[in-house]
């Protein structure tokens, strides 16, 4: 008789063919469900990472709702347009104290602690940093079609400006013949969902930092553009910092 304790664990398990019918059916259903889930996810990821095309335009909203905020991917490191700015989220709150008086806190940085937590816990990181980065991506989302039109408009205005200065001297005026482009329906939808996610995330962080007296929260989106490559060695050029304050939002309970 072979020593059962010396056999590998898999050799000691009964084969699935000898299992009861109910176990075999459940195992088959679980395998098919997992296969279907992985197939859908990889298909969504494939479409998400594709260049702009008719299929992506048709199913873009569905794909984006699947990918954000947990599965969003950013390939800018390998793209012709690499990352050129840092983004962060700050939150402040209206807090009612024990004396029933309301005070407004200073802004608290949500991004840096979340990134530090992800870096220090590489084996079992929390999803906190992905929530922050995903919300930032949704808040700053630009429709690819609208972005292409805006870039073309900027290029045309720049070329017109150069022609005007050439033909009319240094005081020549650039012709402003192209109207501004309003937000697209996709950008408005992203913004609406991003505001809901930002309010919930900010409420959670504000409660963690300032206590249960938080009544409303406000999010500040900070964007730090890197200096141009030609000015990277200049100590006085640290890049341009801009920010956007979202409206005050009532805390989620």
C-alpha atoms as a PDB file:
ATOM      1  CA  UNK A   1       0.000   0.000   0.000  1.00  0.00           C
ATOM      2  CA  UNK A   2       1.387   3.444  -0.868  1.00  0.00           C
ATOM      3  CA  UNK A   3       1.826   5.940   1.911  1.00  0.00           C
ATOM      4  CA  UNK A   4      -1.075   8.369   1.386  1.00  0.00           C
ATOM      5  CA  UNK A   5       0.655  11.071   3.387  1.00  0.00           C
ATOM      6  CA  UNK A   6       3.554  10.975   0.913  1.00  0.00           C
ATOM      7  CA  UNK A   7       1.317  11.469  -2.142  1.00  0.00           C
ATOM      8  CA  UNK A   8       0.747  14.967  -3.553  1.00  0.00           C
ATOM      9  CA  UNK A   9      -2.511  16.574  -2.493  1.00  0.00           C
ATOM     10  CA  UNK A  10      -3.961  16.525  -6.032  1.00  0.00           C
ATOM     11  CA  UNK A  11      -3.372  12.739  -6.256  1.00  0.00           C
ATOM     12  CA  UNK A  12      -5.314  12.199  -3.056  1.00  0.00           C
ATOM     13  CA  UNK A  13      -8.383  14.112  -4.238  1.00  0.00           C
ATOM     14  CA  UNK A  14     -11.162  12.054  -5.848  1.00  0.00           C
ATOM     15  CA  UNK A  15     -11.448  12.610  -9.618  1.00  0.00           C
ATOM     16  CA  UNK A  16     -14.315  14.830 -10.744  1.00  0.00           C
ATOM     17  CA  UNK A  17     -15.715  12.017 -12.860  1.00  0.00           C
ATOM     18  CA  UNK A  18     -16.436  10.066  -9.671  1.00  0.00           C
ATOM     19  CA  UNK A  19     -18.084  13.027  -7.944  1.00  0.00           C
ATOM     20  CA  UNK A  20     -21.868  13.151  -7.444  1.00  0.00           C
ATOM     21  CA  UNK A  21     -23.870  14.603 -10.367  1.00  0.00           C
ATOM     22  CA  UNK A  22     -24.802  17.699  -8.372  1.00  0.00           C
ATOM     23  CA  UNK A  23     -21.125  18.541  -7.723  1.00  0.00           C
ATOM     24  CA  UNK A  24     -20.251  18.021 -11.368  1.00  0.00           C
ATOM     25  CA  UNK A  25     -23.109  20.311 -12.512  1.00  0.00           C
ATOM     26  CA  UNK A  26     -22.130  23.051 -10.052  1.00  0.00           C
ATOM     27  CA  UNK A  27     -18.482  22.781 -11.072  1.00  0.00           C
ATOM     28  CA  UNK A  28     -19.380  23.013 -14.766  1.00  0.00           C
ATOM     29  CA  UNK A  29     -21.653  26.025 -14.152  1.00  0.00           C
ATOM     30  CA  UNK A  30     -18.941  27.783 -12.145  1.00  0.00           C
ATOM     31  CA  UNK A  31     -16.361  27.120 -14.865  1.00  0.00           C
ATOM     32  CA  UNK A  32     -18.680  28.401 -17.625  1.00  0.00           C
ATOM     33  CA  UNK A  33     -19.595  31.496 -15.576  1.00  0.00           C
ATOM     34  CA  UNK A  34     -15.939  32.339 -14.910  1.00  0.00           C
ATOM     35  CA  UNK A  35     -15.067  31.788 -18.561  1.00  0.00           C
ATOM     36  CA  UNK A  36     -17.919  34.071 -19.622  1.00  0.00           C
ATOM     37  CA  UNK A  37     -16.924  36.752 -17.109  1.00  0.00           C
ATOM     38  CA  UNK A  38     -13.292  36.712 -18.240  1.00  0.00           C
ATOM     39  CA  UNK A  39     -14.370  36.802 -21.890  1.00  0.00           C
ATOM     40  CA  UNK A  40     -16.567  39.856 -21.307  1.00  0.00           C
ATOM     41  CA  UNK A  41     -13.873  41.608 -19.278  1.00  0.00           C
ATOM     42  CA  UNK A  42     -11.124  41.015 -21.844  1.00  0.00           C
ATOM     43  CA  UNK A  43     -13.452  42.123 -24.638  1.00  0.00           C
ATOM     44  CA  UNK A  44     -14.243  45.343 -22.727  1.00  0.00           C
ATOM     45  CA  UNK A  45     -10.538  45.915 -22.068  1.00  0.00           C
ATOM     46  CA  UNK A  46      -9.709  45.334 -25.736  1.00  0.00           C
ATOM     47  CA  UNK A  47     -12.289  47.895 -26.894  1.00  0.00           C
ATOM     48  CA  UNK A  48     -11.278  50.331 -24.135  1.00  0.00           C
ATOM     49  CA  UNK A  49      -7.646  50.369 -25.301  1.00  0.00           C
ATOM     50  CA  UNK A  50      -8.466  50.668 -28.998  1.00  0.00           C
ATOM     51  CA  UNK A  51      -7.974  53.926 -30.911  1.00  0.00           C
ATOM     52  CA  UNK A  52     -11.118  55.860 -31.712  1.00  0.00           C
ATOM     53  CA  UNK A  53     -13.251  53.859 -34.161  1.00  0.00           C
ATOM     54  CA  UNK A  54     -16.962  53.362 -35.022  1.00  0.00           C
ATOM     55  CA  UNK A  55     -17.330  50.419 -32.600  1.00  0.00           C
ATOM     56  CA  UNK A  56     -15.799  52.379 -29.734  1.00  0.00           C
ATOM     57  CA  UNK A  57     -18.049  55.355 -30.486  1.00  0.00           C
ATOM     58  CA  UNK A  58     -21.132  53.122 -30.381  1.00  0.00           C
ATOM     59  CA  UNK A  59     -20.358  51.209 -27.157  1.00  0.00           C
ATOM     60  CA  UNK A  60     -18.025  53.717 -25.485  1.00  0.00           C
ATOM     61  CA  UNK A  61     -20.380  54.608 -22.624  1.00  0.00           C
ATOM     62  CA  UNK A  62     -21.004  50.934 -21.782  1.00  0.00           C
ATOM     63  CA  UNK A  63     -17.296  50.122 -21.868  1.00  0.00           C
ATOM     64  CA  UNK A  64     -16.421  53.149 -19.737  1.00  0.00           C
ATOM     65  CA  UNK A  65     -19.009  52.251 -17.105  1.00  0.00           C
ATOM     66  CA  UNK A  66     -17.475  48.748 -16.896  1.00  0.00           C
ATOM     67  CA  UNK A  67     -13.854  49.928 -16.714  1.00  0.00           C
ATOM     68  CA  UNK A  68     -14.185  52.856 -14.303  1.00  0.00           C
ATOM     69  CA  UNK A  69     -13.096  53.272 -11.621  1.00  0.00           C
ATOM     70  CA  UNK A  70     -11.560  49.846 -10.842  1.00  0.00           C
ATOM     71  CA  UNK A  71     -10.214  48.618 -14.193  1.00  0.00           C
ATOM     72  CA  UNK A  72      -9.170  51.867 -15.848  1.00  0.00           C
ATOM     73  CA  UNK A  73      -5.800  51.674 -17.606  1.00  0.00           C
ATOM     74  CA  UNK A  74      -3.439  54.391 -18.717  1.00  0.00           C
ATOM     75  CA  UNK A  75      -0.888  53.698 -21.442  1.00  0.00           C
ATOM     76  CA  UNK A  76       0.425  57.270 -21.693  1.00  0.00           C
ATOM     77  CA  UNK A  77       3.915  56.139 -20.692  1.00  0.00           C
ATOM     78  CA  UNK A  78       4.185  54.338 -24.059  1.00  0.00           C
ATOM     79  CA  UNK A  79       2.081  56.775 -26.100  1.00  0.00           C
ATOM     80  CA  UNK A  80       3.150  59.666 -28.355  1.00  0.00           C
ATOM     81  CA  UNK A  81       1.675  62.026 -25.737  1.00  0.00           C
ATOM     82  CA  UNK A  82       3.231  61.021 -22.396  1.00  0.00           C
ATOM     83  CA  UNK A  83       1.936  62.177 -19.027  1.00  0.00           C
ATOM     84  CA  UNK A  84       2.735  65.854 -18.600  1.00  0.00           C
ATOM     85  CA  UNK A  85       1.081  66.703 -15.300  1.00  0.00           C
ATOM     86  CA  UNK A  86       0.304  65.442 -11.815  1.00  0.00           C
ATOM     87  CA  UNK A  87      -3.282  65.467 -10.569  1.00  0.00           C
ATOM     88  CA  UNK A  88      -4.571  65.376  -7.051  1.00  0.00           C
ATOM     89  CA  UNK A  89      -7.746  65.680  -5.001  1.00  0.00           C
ATOM     90  CA  UNK A  90      -8.167  67.699  -1.825  1.00  0.00           C
ATOM     91  CA  UNK A  91     -11.231  67.840   0.405  1.00  0.00           C
ATOM     92  CA  UNK A  92     -12.488  70.209   3.042  1.00  0.00           C
ATOM     93  CA  UNK A  93     -15.650  70.007   5.102  1.00  0.00           C
ATOM     94  CA  UNK A  94     -18.243  71.930   7.032  1.00  0.00           C
ATOM     95  CA  UNK A  95     -18.201  70.384  10.490  1.00  0.00           C
ATOM     96  CA  UNK A  96     -20.747  70.966  13.265  1.00  0.00           C
ATOM     97  CA  UNK A  97     -19.102  70.709  16.661  1.00  0.00           C
ATOM     98  CA  UNK A  98     -20.485  69.737  20.061  1.00  0.00           C
ATOM     99  CA  UNK A  99     -21.453  73.397  20.636  1.00  0.00           C
ATOM    100  CA  UNK A 100     -23.591  73.261  17.447  1.00  0.00           C
ATOM    101  CA  UNK A 101     -21.339  75.806  15.742  1.00  0.00           C
ATOM    102  CA  UNK A 102     -20.235  75.115  12.170  1.00  0.00           C
ATOM    103  CA  UNK A 103     -16.622  75.547  11.069  1.00  0.00           C
ATOM    104  CA  UNK A 104     -14.925  75.047   7.711  1.00  0.00           C
ATOM    105  CA  UNK A 105     -11.798  72.906   7.833  1.00  0.00           C
ATOM    106  CA  UNK A 106      -8.641  73.386   5.820  1.00  0.00           C
ATOM    107  CA  UNK A 107      -8.108  71.256   2.732  1.00  0.00           C
ATOM    108  CA  UNK A 108      -6.901  67.694   3.287  1.00  0.00           C
ATOM    109  CA  UNK A 109      -4.844  65.874   0.641  1.00  0.00           C
ATOM    110  CA  UNK A 110      -6.576  62.614  -0.322  1.00  0.00           C
ATOM    111  CA  UNK A 111      -4.190  61.621  -3.110  1.00  0.00           C
ATOM    112  CA  UNK A 112      -0.773  61.422  -1.423  1.00  0.00           C
ATOM    113  CA  UNK A 113      -1.820  59.080   1.448  1.00  0.00           C
ATOM    114  CA  UNK A 114      -3.660  56.820  -1.001  1.00  0.00           C
ATOM    115  CA  UNK A 115      -0.603  56.572  -3.284  1.00  0.00           C
ATOM    116  CA  UNK A 116       1.705  55.996  -0.309  1.00  0.00           C
ATOM    117  CA  UNK A 117      -0.563  53.234   0.962  1.00  0.00           C
ATOM    118  CA  UNK A 118      -0.483  51.512  -2.451  1.00  0.00           C
ATOM    119  CA  UNK A 119       3.318  51.742  -2.600  1.00  0.00           C
ATOM    120  CA  UNK A 120       3.878  50.445   0.927  1.00  0.00           C
ATOM    121  CA  UNK A 121       1.468  47.528   0.555  1.00  0.00           C
ATOM    122  CA  UNK A 122       2.425  46.193  -2.859  1.00  0.00           C
ATOM    123  CA  UNK A 123       1.401  42.598  -2.149  1.00  0.00           C
ATOM    124  CA  UNK A 124      -2.051  43.388  -0.746  1.00  0.00           C
ATOM    125  CA  UNK A 125      -2.772  47.035  -1.683  1.00  0.00           C
ATOM    126  CA  UNK A 126      -6.120  48.625  -0.953  1.00  0.00           C
ATOM    127  CA  UNK A 127      -8.318  49.991  -3.724  1.00  0.00           C
ATOM    128  CA  UNK A 128      -8.178  53.450  -2.196  1.00  0.00           C
ATOM    129  CA  UNK A 129      -5.641  54.834  -4.678  1.00  0.00           C
ATOM    130  CA  UNK A 130      -7.596  53.433  -7.625  1.00  0.00           C
ATOM    131  CA  UNK A 131     -10.752  55.131  -6.384  1.00  0.00           C
ATOM    132  CA  UNK A 132      -8.962  58.478  -6.164  1.00  0.00           C
ATOM    133  CA  UNK A 133      -7.237  58.153  -9.552  1.00  0.00           C
ATOM    134  CA  UNK A 134     -10.405  56.824 -11.199  1.00  0.00           C
ATOM    135  CA  UNK A 135     -12.438  59.765  -9.897  1.00  0.00           C
ATOM    136  CA  UNK A 136      -9.781  62.186 -11.136  1.00  0.00           C
ATOM    137  CA  UNK A 137      -9.842  60.620 -14.591  1.00  0.00           C
ATOM    138  CA  UNK A 138     -13.614  60.907 -14.770  1.00  0.00           C
ATOM    139  CA  UNK A 139     -13.586  64.526 -13.546  1.00  0.00           C
ATOM    140  CA  UNK A 140     -11.024  65.523 -16.183  1.00  0.00           C
ATOM    141  CA  UNK A 141     -12.378  63.329 -18.999  1.00  0.00           C
ATOM    142  CA  UNK A 142     -12.350  64.827 -22.485  1.00  0.00           C
ATOM    143  CA  UNK A 143     -14.241  63.300 -25.380  1.00  0.00           C
ATOM    144  CA  UNK A 144     -11.651  62.091 -27.953  1.00  0.00           C
ATOM    145  CA  UNK A 145     -13.634  63.559 -30.862  1.00  0.00           C
ATOM    146  CA  UNK A 146     -14.087  66.926 -29.141  1.00  0.00           C
ATOM    147  CA  UNK A 147     -10.430  66.925 -28.098  1.00  0.00           C
ATOM    148  CA  UNK A 148      -9.322  66.379 -31.705  1.00  0.00           C
ATOM    149  CA  UNK A 149     -11.533  69.267 -32.838  1.00  0.00           C
ATOM    150  CA  UNK A 150     -10.157  71.532 -30.095  1.00  0.00           C
ATOM    151  CA  UNK A 151      -6.569  70.682 -30.986  1.00  0.00           C
ATOM    152  CA  UNK A 152      -7.300  71.373 -34.662  1.00  0.00           C
ATOM    153  CA  UNK A 153      -8.937  74.674 -33.726  1.00  0.00           C
ATOM    154  CA  UNK A 154      -5.925  75.668 -31.636  1.00  0.00           C
ATOM    155  CA  UNK A 155      -3.549  74.793 -34.450  1.00  0.00           C
ATOM    156  CA  UNK A 156      -5.588  76.795 -36.985  1.00  0.00           C
ATOM    157  CA  UNK A 157      -5.723  79.842 -34.721  1.00  0.00           C
ATOM    158  CA  UNK A 158      -1.971  79.606 -34.152  1.00  0.00           C
ATOM    159  CA  UNK A 159      -1.346  79.428 -37.898  1.00  0.00           C
ATOM    160  CA  UNK A 160      -3.688  82.346 -38.527  1.00  0.00           C
ATOM    161  CA  UNK A 161      -1.851  84.313 -35.870  1.00  0.00           C
ATOM    162  CA  UNK A 162       1.476  83.684 -37.557  1.00  0.00           C
ATOM    163  CA  UNK A 163       0.062  84.749 -40.944  1.00  0.00           C
ATOM    164  CA  UNK A 164      -1.502  87.869 -39.407  1.00  0.00           C
ATOM    165  CA  UNK A 165       1.792  88.919 -37.814  1.00  0.00           C
ATOM    166  CA  UNK A 166       3.584  88.292 -41.111  1.00  0.00           C
ATOM    167  CA  UNK A 167       1.182  90.315 -43.248  1.00  0.00           C
ATOM    168  CA  UNK A 168       0.154  93.043 -40.792  1.00  0.00           C
ATOM    169  CA  UNK A 169       3.233  93.530 -38.653  1.00  0.00           C
ATOM    170  CA  UNK A 170       3.543  92.990 -34.879  1.00  0.00           C
ATOM    171  CA  UNK A 171       0.081  94.461 -34.184  1.00  0.00           C
ATOM    172  CA  UNK A 172      -1.775  92.096 -36.499  1.00  0.00           C
ATOM    173  CA  UNK A 173      -4.850  90.484 -34.881  1.00  0.00           C
ATOM    174  CA  UNK A 174      -5.641  86.793 -34.976  1.00  0.00           C
ATOM    175  CA  UNK A 175      -8.971  86.088 -36.647  1.00  0.00           C
ATOM    176  CA  UNK A 176     -11.282  84.436 -34.114  1.00  0.00           C
ATOM    177  CA  UNK A 177     -13.567  82.799 -36.633  1.00  0.00           C
ATOM    178  CA  UNK A 178     -14.155  79.481 -34.811  1.00  0.00           C
ATOM    179  CA  UNK A 179     -16.649  79.253 -31.967  1.00  0.00           C
ATOM    180  CA  UNK A 180     -15.932  77.485 -28.704  1.00  0.00           C
ATOM    181  CA  UNK A 181     -16.913  73.821 -28.450  1.00  0.00           C
ATOM    182  CA  UNK A 182     -19.463  73.033 -25.719  1.00  0.00           C
ATOM    183  CA  UNK A 183     -19.181  69.824 -23.655  1.00  0.00           C
ATOM    184  CA  UNK A 184     -20.386  66.716 -25.437  1.00  0.00           C
ATOM    185  CA  UNK A 185     -23.048  64.396 -24.033  1.00  0.00           C
ATOM    186  CA  UNK A 186     -20.326  61.879 -23.070  1.00  0.00           C
ATOM    187  CA  UNK A 187     -18.396  64.567 -21.177  1.00  0.00           C
ATOM    188  CA  UNK A 188     -21.555  65.693 -19.365  1.00  0.00           C
ATOM    189  CA  UNK A 189     -22.386  62.089 -18.437  1.00  0.00           C
ATOM    190  CA  UNK A 190     -18.841  61.479 -17.164  1.00  0.00           C
ATOM    191  CA  UNK A 191     -19.019  64.675 -15.149  1.00  0.00           C
ATOM    192  CA  UNK A 192     -22.346  63.726 -13.573  1.00  0.00           C
ATOM    193  CA  UNK A 193     -21.121  60.272 -12.515  1.00  0.00           C
ATOM    194  CA  UNK A 194     -17.787  61.691 -11.389  1.00  0.00           C
ATOM    195  CA  UNK A 195     -19.528  64.201  -9.118  1.00  0.00           C
ATOM    196  CA  UNK A 196     -21.464  61.370  -7.424  1.00  0.00           C
ATOM    197  CA  UNK A 197     -18.295  59.334  -6.937  1.00  0.00           C
ATOM    198  CA  UNK A 198     -16.321  62.383  -5.740  1.00  0.00           C
ATOM    199  CA  UNK A 199     -18.991  63.239  -3.165  1.00  0.00           C
ATOM    200  CA  UNK A 200     -19.034  59.715  -1.732  1.00  0.00           C
ATOM    201  CA  UNK A 201     -15.248  59.433  -1.660  1.00  0.00           C
ATOM    202  CA  UNK A 202     -14.848  62.908  -0.138  1.00  0.00           C
ATOM    203  CA  UNK A 203     -17.516  62.168   2.475  1.00  0.00           C
ATOM    204  CA  UNK A 204     -15.695  59.003   3.511  1.00  0.00           C
ATOM    205  CA  UNK A 205     -12.304  60.738   3.743  1.00  0.00           C
ATOM    206  CA  UNK A 206     -13.712  63.799   5.512  1.00  0.00           C
ATOM    207  CA  UNK A 207     -15.491  61.653   8.103  1.00  0.00           C
ATOM    208  CA  UNK A 208     -12.268  59.725   8.679  1.00  0.00           C
ATOM    209  CA  UNK A 209     -10.302  62.935   9.192  1.00  0.00           C
ATOM    210  CA  UNK A 210     -12.783  65.340  10.824  1.00  0.00           C
ATOM    211  CA  UNK A 211     -15.290  63.079  12.586  1.00  0.00           C
ATOM    212  CA  UNK A 212     -18.997  62.402  12.342  1.00  0.00           C
ATOM    213  CA  UNK A 213     -19.920  66.085  12.536  1.00  0.00           C
ATOM    214  CA  UNK A 214     -19.272  66.547   8.812  1.00  0.00           C
ATOM    215  CA  UNK A 215     -22.330  68.036   7.101  1.00  0.00           C
ATOM    216  CA  UNK A 216     -20.990  68.980   3.661  1.00  0.00           C
ATOM    217  CA  UNK A 217     -17.805  68.485   1.653  1.00  0.00           C
ATOM    218  CA  UNK A 218     -16.027  70.326  -1.121  1.00  0.00           C
ATOM    219  CA  UNK A 219     -13.477  68.775  -3.483  1.00  0.00           C
ATOM    220  CA  UNK A 220     -10.574  70.678  -5.041  1.00  0.00           C
ATOM    221  CA  UNK A 221      -8.966  69.178  -8.152  1.00  0.00           C
ATOM    222  CA  UNK A 222      -5.315  70.245  -8.440  1.00  0.00           C
ATOM    223  CA  UNK A 223      -3.300  69.944 -11.669  1.00  0.00           C
ATOM    224  CA  UNK A 224       0.463  70.492 -11.639  1.00  0.00           C
ATOM    225  CA  UNK A 225       1.804  70.763 -15.201  1.00  0.00           C
ATOM    226  CA  UNK A 226       5.435  69.749 -15.578  1.00  0.00           C
ATOM    227  CA  UNK A 227       7.958  72.324 -16.875  1.00  0.00           C
ATOM    228  CA  UNK A 228       8.775  72.065 -20.556  1.00  0.00           C
ATOM    229  CA  UNK A 229      11.635  69.711 -21.303  1.00  0.00           C
ATOM    230  CA  UNK A 230      13.847  72.607 -22.432  1.00  0.00           C
ATOM    231  CA  UNK A 231      13.421  74.228 -18.991  1.00  0.00           C
ATOM    232  CA  UNK A 232      13.805  71.120 -16.864  1.00  0.00           C
ATOM    233  CA  UNK A 233      17.139  72.277 -15.398  1.00  0.00           C
ATOM    234  CA  UNK A 234      15.919  75.723 -14.317  1.00  0.00           C
ATOM    235  CA  UNK A 235      15.327  75.808 -10.565  1.00  0.00           C
ATOM    236  CA  UNK A 236      12.875  78.720 -10.813  1.00  0.00           C
ATOM    237  CA  UNK A 237      10.531  76.861 -13.172  1.00  0.00           C
ATOM    238  CA  UNK A 238       8.566  74.293 -11.179  1.00  0.00           C
ATOM    239  CA  UNK A 239       5.628  74.134 -13.564  1.00  0.00           C
ATOM    240  CA  UNK A 240       2.171  75.643 -13.488  1.00  0.00           C
ATOM    241  CA  UNK A 241      -0.340  74.735 -10.787  1.00  0.00           C
ATOM    242  CA  UNK A 242      -4.054  75.193 -11.424  1.00  0.00           C
ATOM    243  CA  UNK A 243      -7.052  74.036  -9.432  1.00  0.00           C
ATOM    244  CA  UNK A 244     -10.813  73.735  -9.707  1.00  0.00           C
ATOM    245  CA  UNK A 245     -13.150  73.829  -6.708  1.00  0.00           C
ATOM    246  CA  UNK A 246     -16.264  71.720  -7.138  1.00  0.00           C
ATOM    247  CA  UNK A 247     -19.532  72.914  -5.576  1.00  0.00           C
ATOM    248  CA  UNK A 248     -20.236  72.086  -1.938  1.00  0.00           C
ATOM    249  CA  UNK A 249     -21.990  68.725  -1.641  1.00  0.00           C
ATOM    250  CA  UNK A 250     -24.066  67.363   1.230  1.00  0.00           C
ATOM    251  CA  UNK A 251     -22.323  64.462   2.926  1.00  0.00           C
ATOM    252  CA  UNK A 252     -23.547  60.951   2.168  1.00  0.00           C
ATOM    253  CA  UNK A 253     -24.993  59.246   5.218  1.00  0.00           C
END
